N, C-alpha and C. Protein backbone atom coordinates (compact mmCIF):
# COMPACT_ATOMS: atom_id res chain seq x y z
N UNK A 1 115.73 -69.37 238.81
CA UNK A 1 114.33 -69.65 238.68
C UNK A 1 113.77 -69.97 240.07
N UNK A 2 112.62 -69.41 240.36
CA UNK A 2 111.92 -69.69 241.62
C UNK A 2 110.54 -70.21 241.24
N UNK A 3 110.22 -71.40 241.69
CA UNK A 3 108.93 -71.98 241.34
C UNK A 3 108.04 -72.09 242.57
N UNK A 4 106.81 -72.51 242.34
CA UNK A 4 105.83 -72.73 243.40
C UNK A 4 105.55 -71.47 244.22
N UNK A 5 105.36 -70.35 243.53
CA UNK A 5 105.08 -69.10 244.22
C UNK A 5 103.79 -69.16 245.02
N UNK A 6 102.91 -70.09 244.69
CA UNK A 6 101.64 -70.23 245.39
C UNK A 6 101.84 -70.51 246.87
N UNK A 7 103.00 -71.06 247.24
CA UNK A 7 103.22 -71.39 248.66
C UNK A 7 103.26 -70.15 249.54
N UNK A 8 103.44 -68.98 248.93
CA UNK A 8 103.41 -67.72 249.68
C UNK A 8 102.10 -67.59 250.47
N UNK A 9 101.01 -68.10 249.91
CA UNK A 9 99.69 -67.94 250.50
C UNK A 9 99.17 -69.22 251.16
N UNK A 10 100.05 -70.20 251.35
CA UNK A 10 99.66 -71.49 251.92
C UNK A 10 100.37 -71.73 253.24
N UNK A 11 99.69 -71.55 254.38
CA UNK A 11 100.33 -71.75 255.68
C UNK A 11 100.97 -73.13 255.83
N UNK A 12 100.42 -74.13 255.21
CA UNK A 12 100.99 -75.48 255.30
C UNK A 12 102.34 -75.61 254.64
N UNK A 13 102.72 -74.63 253.84
CA UNK A 13 104.02 -74.65 253.15
C UNK A 13 104.89 -73.46 253.55
N UNK A 14 104.63 -72.89 254.71
CA UNK A 14 105.45 -71.79 255.21
C UNK A 14 104.96 -70.41 254.84
N UNK A 15 103.87 -70.33 254.08
CA UNK A 15 103.31 -69.03 253.72
C UNK A 15 102.26 -68.58 254.71
N UNK A 16 101.55 -67.55 254.33
CA UNK A 16 100.49 -67.02 255.18
C UNK A 16 99.28 -66.71 254.31
N UNK A 17 98.12 -67.03 254.81
CA UNK A 17 96.88 -66.83 254.05
C UNK A 17 96.47 -65.36 254.13
N UNK A 18 97.22 -64.50 253.48
CA UNK A 18 96.90 -63.07 253.46
C UNK A 18 97.46 -62.42 252.21
N UNK A 19 96.86 -61.31 251.87
CA UNK A 19 97.31 -60.53 250.73
C UNK A 19 97.23 -59.06 251.13
N UNK A 20 98.24 -58.23 250.96
CA UNK A 20 99.46 -58.53 250.22
C UNK A 20 100.33 -59.56 250.95
N UNK A 21 101.31 -60.06 250.23
CA UNK A 21 102.18 -61.10 250.75
C UNK A 21 102.88 -60.63 252.03
N UNK A 22 102.93 -61.53 252.98
CA UNK A 22 103.57 -61.23 254.26
C UNK A 22 105.09 -61.21 254.11
N UNK A 23 105.77 -60.40 254.95
CA UNK A 23 107.24 -60.42 254.93
C UNK A 23 107.75 -61.84 255.19
N UNK A 24 108.84 -62.17 254.55
CA UNK A 24 109.43 -63.49 254.74
C UNK A 24 108.92 -64.53 253.76
N UNK A 25 108.01 -64.15 252.88
CA UNK A 25 107.50 -65.08 251.88
C UNK A 25 108.22 -64.86 250.55
N UNK A 26 108.05 -65.80 249.65
CA UNK A 26 108.72 -65.71 248.35
C UNK A 26 108.25 -64.51 247.55
N UNK A 27 106.94 -64.25 247.54
CA UNK A 27 106.44 -63.10 246.78
C UNK A 27 106.97 -61.80 247.39
N UNK A 28 107.08 -61.73 248.70
CA UNK A 28 107.66 -60.56 249.35
C UNK A 28 109.12 -60.40 248.94
N UNK A 29 109.86 -61.49 248.88
CA UNK A 29 111.25 -61.45 248.41
C UNK A 29 111.32 -60.91 246.99
N UNK A 30 110.43 -61.36 246.12
CA UNK A 30 110.44 -60.88 244.73
C UNK A 30 110.16 -59.39 244.65
N UNK A 31 109.25 -58.90 245.50
CA UNK A 31 108.97 -57.46 245.52
C UNK A 31 110.23 -56.68 245.92
N UNK A 32 110.96 -57.19 246.90
CA UNK A 32 112.20 -56.53 247.33
C UNK A 32 113.26 -56.58 246.23
N UNK A 33 113.34 -57.70 245.52
CA UNK A 33 114.30 -57.80 244.42
C UNK A 33 113.96 -56.81 243.32
N UNK A 34 112.68 -56.63 243.04
CA UNK A 34 112.26 -55.66 242.03
C UNK A 34 112.69 -54.25 242.43
N UNK A 35 112.56 -53.91 243.71
CA UNK A 35 113.04 -52.62 244.19
C UNK A 35 114.55 -52.50 243.94
N UNK A 36 115.28 -53.59 244.15
CA UNK A 36 116.72 -53.57 243.95
C UNK A 36 117.13 -53.36 242.51
N UNK A 37 116.36 -53.91 241.57
CA UNK A 37 116.65 -53.70 240.15
C UNK A 37 116.60 -52.20 239.83
N UNK A 38 115.76 -51.46 240.54
CA UNK A 38 115.58 -50.03 240.31
C UNK A 38 116.44 -49.16 241.24
N UNK A 39 117.48 -49.72 241.82
CA UNK A 39 118.25 -49.00 242.85
C UNK A 39 118.84 -47.68 242.37
N UNK A 40 119.16 -47.56 241.10
CA UNK A 40 119.78 -46.31 240.63
C UNK A 40 118.77 -45.16 240.56
N UNK A 41 117.49 -45.46 240.52
CA UNK A 41 116.48 -44.41 240.44
C UNK A 41 115.98 -43.98 241.83
N UNK A 42 116.33 -44.70 242.84
CA UNK A 42 115.81 -44.42 244.18
C UNK A 42 116.60 -43.33 244.88
N UNK A 43 115.91 -42.50 245.67
CA UNK A 43 116.64 -41.50 246.45
C UNK A 43 117.36 -42.19 247.62
N UNK A 44 118.62 -41.88 247.77
CA UNK A 44 119.42 -42.43 248.87
C UNK A 44 120.06 -41.28 249.62
N UNK A 45 119.97 -41.34 250.93
CA UNK A 45 120.58 -40.30 251.77
C UNK A 45 122.04 -40.65 252.01
N UNK A 46 122.89 -39.66 251.90
CA UNK A 46 124.31 -39.85 252.19
C UNK A 46 124.97 -40.79 251.19
N UNK A 47 126.05 -41.43 251.65
CA UNK A 47 126.74 -42.36 250.76
C UNK A 47 125.97 -43.68 250.76
N UNK A 48 125.76 -44.21 249.59
CA UNK A 48 125.00 -45.45 249.44
C UNK A 48 125.79 -46.40 248.58
N UNK A 49 125.94 -47.61 249.04
CA UNK A 49 126.63 -48.64 248.28
C UNK A 49 125.63 -49.74 247.96
N UNK A 50 125.32 -49.97 246.67
CA UNK A 50 124.35 -51.00 246.33
C UNK A 50 124.82 -52.39 246.75
N UNK A 51 123.87 -53.25 247.08
CA UNK A 51 124.19 -54.61 247.48
C UNK A 51 124.64 -55.44 246.28
N UNK A 52 125.13 -56.62 246.55
CA UNK A 52 125.54 -57.52 245.48
C UNK A 52 124.37 -57.78 244.53
N UNK A 53 123.20 -58.08 245.08
CA UNK A 53 122.04 -58.34 244.23
C UNK A 53 121.65 -57.11 243.42
N UNK A 54 121.69 -55.94 244.02
CA UNK A 54 121.35 -54.72 243.28
C UNK A 54 122.31 -54.50 242.11
N UNK A 55 123.56 -54.83 242.30
CA UNK A 55 124.55 -54.64 241.25
C UNK A 55 124.50 -55.72 240.17
N UNK A 56 123.93 -56.88 240.48
CA UNK A 56 124.03 -58.02 239.57
C UNK A 56 122.71 -58.63 239.13
N UNK A 57 121.59 -57.99 239.43
CA UNK A 57 120.29 -58.46 238.98
C UNK A 57 119.71 -57.41 238.04
N UNK A 58 119.50 -57.77 236.79
CA UNK A 58 119.03 -56.80 235.80
C UNK A 58 117.58 -57.02 235.37
N UNK A 59 117.03 -58.16 235.72
CA UNK A 59 115.65 -58.43 235.31
C UNK A 59 114.98 -59.41 236.23
N UNK A 60 113.67 -59.27 236.29
CA UNK A 60 112.84 -60.15 237.11
C UNK A 60 111.58 -60.42 236.29
N UNK A 61 111.41 -61.65 235.87
CA UNK A 61 110.29 -62.01 235.00
C UNK A 61 109.38 -62.95 235.78
N UNK A 62 108.16 -62.53 236.01
CA UNK A 62 107.24 -63.36 236.79
C UNK A 62 106.06 -63.80 235.94
N UNK A 63 105.64 -65.00 236.21
CA UNK A 63 104.49 -65.62 235.56
C UNK A 63 103.71 -66.33 236.65
N UNK A 64 102.62 -66.93 236.28
CA UNK A 64 101.81 -67.62 237.28
C UNK A 64 102.63 -68.73 237.95
N UNK A 65 102.89 -68.54 239.24
CA UNK A 65 103.59 -69.51 240.10
C UNK A 65 105.06 -69.76 239.78
N UNK A 66 105.68 -68.90 238.96
CA UNK A 66 107.09 -69.07 238.66
C UNK A 66 107.73 -67.71 238.36
N UNK A 67 108.99 -67.56 238.73
CA UNK A 67 109.72 -66.32 238.45
C UNK A 67 111.11 -66.68 237.96
N UNK A 68 111.62 -65.84 237.07
CA UNK A 68 112.97 -66.01 236.53
C UNK A 68 113.77 -64.76 236.86
N UNK A 69 114.96 -64.95 237.40
CA UNK A 69 115.86 -63.84 237.71
C UNK A 69 116.92 -63.77 236.62
N UNK A 70 117.18 -62.57 236.11
CA UNK A 70 118.15 -62.38 235.05
C UNK A 70 119.39 -61.70 235.60
N UNK A 71 120.51 -62.40 235.53
CA UNK A 71 121.77 -61.87 236.03
C UNK A 71 122.43 -60.98 234.99
N UNK A 72 123.21 -60.03 235.45
CA UNK A 72 123.97 -59.14 234.58
C UNK A 72 124.50 -57.98 235.40
N UNK A 73 125.10 -57.03 234.75
CA UNK A 73 125.64 -55.85 235.43
C UNK A 73 124.56 -54.77 235.43
N UNK A 74 124.08 -54.41 236.60
CA UNK A 74 123.02 -53.41 236.74
C UNK A 74 123.66 -52.06 237.04
N UNK A 75 124.19 -51.43 236.01
CA UNK A 75 124.88 -50.15 236.19
C UNK A 75 124.65 -49.26 234.98
N UNK A 76 123.43 -49.19 234.51
CA UNK A 76 123.13 -48.37 233.33
C UNK A 76 123.14 -46.88 233.64
N UNK A 77 123.05 -46.55 234.90
CA UNK A 77 122.91 -45.15 235.29
C UNK A 77 121.45 -44.83 235.50
N UNK A 78 121.19 -44.00 236.45
CA UNK A 78 119.81 -43.65 236.77
C UNK A 78 119.25 -42.61 235.82
N UNK A 79 118.04 -42.21 236.10
CA UNK A 79 117.39 -41.16 235.34
C UNK A 79 118.22 -39.88 235.51
N UNK A 80 118.45 -39.11 234.44
CA UNK A 80 119.27 -37.90 234.56
C UNK A 80 118.72 -36.92 235.60
N UNK A 81 119.60 -36.18 236.22
CA UNK A 81 119.22 -35.25 237.29
C UNK A 81 118.25 -34.17 236.81
N UNK A 82 118.27 -33.84 235.52
CA UNK A 82 117.41 -32.77 235.02
C UNK A 82 115.95 -33.22 234.88
N UNK A 83 115.66 -34.51 234.98
CA UNK A 83 114.28 -34.99 234.86
C UNK A 83 113.55 -34.66 236.17
N UNK A 84 112.40 -33.94 236.08
CA UNK A 84 111.68 -33.60 237.30
C UNK A 84 111.16 -34.86 238.01
N UNK A 85 111.29 -34.86 239.34
CA UNK A 85 110.89 -36.04 240.12
C UNK A 85 109.72 -35.78 241.04
N UNK A 86 109.32 -34.54 241.20
CA UNK A 86 108.20 -34.24 242.10
C UNK A 86 107.25 -33.28 241.40
N UNK A 87 106.07 -33.14 241.95
CA UNK A 87 105.10 -32.20 241.40
C UNK A 87 105.65 -30.78 241.46
N UNK A 88 106.34 -30.43 242.54
CA UNK A 88 106.94 -29.09 242.65
C UNK A 88 107.96 -28.86 241.53
N UNK A 89 108.78 -29.89 241.23
CA UNK A 89 109.76 -29.77 240.14
C UNK A 89 109.06 -29.52 238.81
N UNK A 90 107.97 -30.25 238.57
CA UNK A 90 107.23 -30.10 237.31
C UNK A 90 106.61 -28.72 237.21
N UNK A 91 106.01 -28.23 238.31
CA UNK A 91 105.41 -26.90 238.31
C UNK A 91 106.46 -25.83 238.10
N UNK A 92 107.62 -25.98 238.73
CA UNK A 92 108.71 -25.02 238.56
C UNK A 92 109.17 -25.00 237.10
N UNK A 93 109.31 -26.18 236.51
CA UNK A 93 109.72 -26.27 235.11
C UNK A 93 108.68 -25.60 234.20
N UNK A 94 107.40 -25.79 234.50
CA UNK A 94 106.35 -25.15 233.71
C UNK A 94 106.42 -23.63 233.83
N UNK A 95 106.69 -23.13 235.06
CA UNK A 95 106.82 -21.68 235.26
C UNK A 95 108.00 -21.13 234.48
N UNK A 96 109.11 -21.82 234.50
CA UNK A 96 110.32 -21.38 233.78
C UNK A 96 110.03 -21.34 232.28
N UNK A 97 109.41 -22.39 231.76
CA UNK A 97 109.09 -22.43 230.32
C UNK A 97 108.10 -21.34 229.96
N UNK A 98 107.15 -21.07 230.82
CA UNK A 98 106.15 -20.01 230.56
C UNK A 98 106.82 -18.65 230.53
N UNK A 99 107.75 -18.40 231.45
CA UNK A 99 108.45 -17.14 231.50
C UNK A 99 109.33 -16.95 230.25
N UNK A 100 109.91 -18.03 229.76
CA UNK A 100 110.74 -17.94 228.57
C UNK A 100 109.90 -17.63 227.32
N UNK A 101 108.66 -18.08 227.31
CA UNK A 101 107.78 -17.83 226.15
C UNK A 101 107.28 -16.40 226.10
N UNK A 102 107.35 -15.67 227.21
CA UNK A 102 106.81 -14.29 227.25
C UNK A 102 107.73 -13.30 226.63
């Protein structure tokens, strides 16, 4: 549990009076943790080894001024390779389906 998220925007408590949250603040940390929860869906160049947090954080629940981190094994597997990930992939899939219908 992380409390007092409001300090992110309070210079007197180590935060910065700006939005979006500045690097090094608690809200910025939570944004990075959220990216880590989604590590299996992200494109990675070459060999990639997920961090301890990426492997062991399965949920991030945020509310006004408080966040809860949910531990567990984050290894469900990413989105299947056949799912289109770009507009070009979607257009290609549409062309293939159109050609099959003819």
